[in-house]
Protein backbone atom coordinates (compact mmCIF):
# COMPACT_ATOMS: atom_id res chain seq x y z
CA MET A 1 86.31 98.29 103.09
CA PHE A 2 85.53 99.16 99.49
CA ASN A 3 86.83 102.53 98.24
CA HIS A 4 84.30 104.34 96.12
CA ASP A 5 85.17 106.51 93.15
CA TRP A 6 82.95 109.45 94.11
CA ARG A 7 82.01 111.83 91.27
CA LYS A 8 80.52 115.27 91.82
CA SER A 9 77.17 115.82 90.17
CA SER A 10 77.34 118.08 87.13
CA TYR A 11 74.41 120.01 88.67
CA SER A 12 76.38 120.83 91.83
CA GLY A 13 77.74 124.33 92.05
CA THR A 14 80.87 125.67 93.67
CA ALA A 15 79.29 126.81 96.96
CA GLY A 16 80.31 123.64 98.81
CA ASN A 17 76.85 122.07 98.93
CA CYS A 18 77.50 119.32 96.40
CA ILE A 19 76.02 115.90 95.70
CA TYR A 20 78.38 113.02 94.94
CA VAL A 21 77.54 109.70 93.29
CA ALA A 22 79.40 106.38 93.19
CA THR A 23 78.73 102.85 92.03
CA ASP A 24 79.35 100.04 94.50
CA HIS A 25 81.15 96.81 93.60
CA ASP A 26 77.78 95.07 93.22
CA GLY A 27 76.23 97.77 91.01
CA ARG A 28 74.32 99.66 93.68
CA VAL A 29 74.33 103.45 93.34
CA LYS A 30 75.36 105.54 96.35
CA LEU A 31 74.68 109.25 96.94
CA ARG A 32 76.20 111.53 99.54
CA GLU A 33 76.21 115.23 100.29
CA SER A 34 79.41 117.21 100.80
CA ASP A 35 78.07 118.59 104.11
CA ALA A 36 77.70 115.05 105.55
CA PRO A 37 80.04 112.74 103.61
CA ASP A 38 79.69 109.87 106.09
CA VAL A 39 75.94 109.61 105.39
CA THR A 40 75.05 107.79 102.19
CA VAL A 41 71.84 106.73 100.50
CA THR A 42 72.03 103.48 98.53
CA PHE A 43 69.82 102.53 95.60
CA THR A 44 69.54 99.60 93.25
CA PRO A 45 70.01 100.77 89.65
CA THR A 46 66.27 100.39 89.01
CA THR A 47 65.29 102.36 92.10
CA PHE A 48 67.85 105.06 91.30
CA ARG A 49 66.40 105.52 87.79
CA ALA A 50 62.92 105.83 89.33
CA PHE A 51 64.24 108.39 91.86
CA ILE A 52 65.86 110.49 89.12
CA ARG A 53 62.73 110.29 86.95
CA ALA A 54 60.53 111.40 89.89
CA THR A 55 62.91 114.24 90.71
CA LYS A 56 62.91 115.50 87.10
CA THR A 57 59.12 115.45 86.91
CA GLY A 58 58.75 117.42 90.16
CA GLU A 59 57.25 114.63 92.23
CA PHE A 60 59.12 115.85 95.33
CA ASP A 61 58.53 119.59 94.81
CA HIS A 62 55.72 119.66 97.40
CA LEU A 63 58.33 118.85 100.08
CA SER A 64 59.96 122.29 99.72
CA PRO A 65 59.08 124.95 102.31
């Protein structure tokens, strides 16, 4: 199994609810949350850039309660 070099997001605080990111051996980007470290979301680099861009522009804001 491939060991990932997980890095904590610079936007994560110190309250224990952190997002971690790693790059896979084939260039895919993986995200996980500190509350559920066994669950990961995997993106291609292109899809990850689109996800970040959509997040920054508020595309997902309507999903908040």
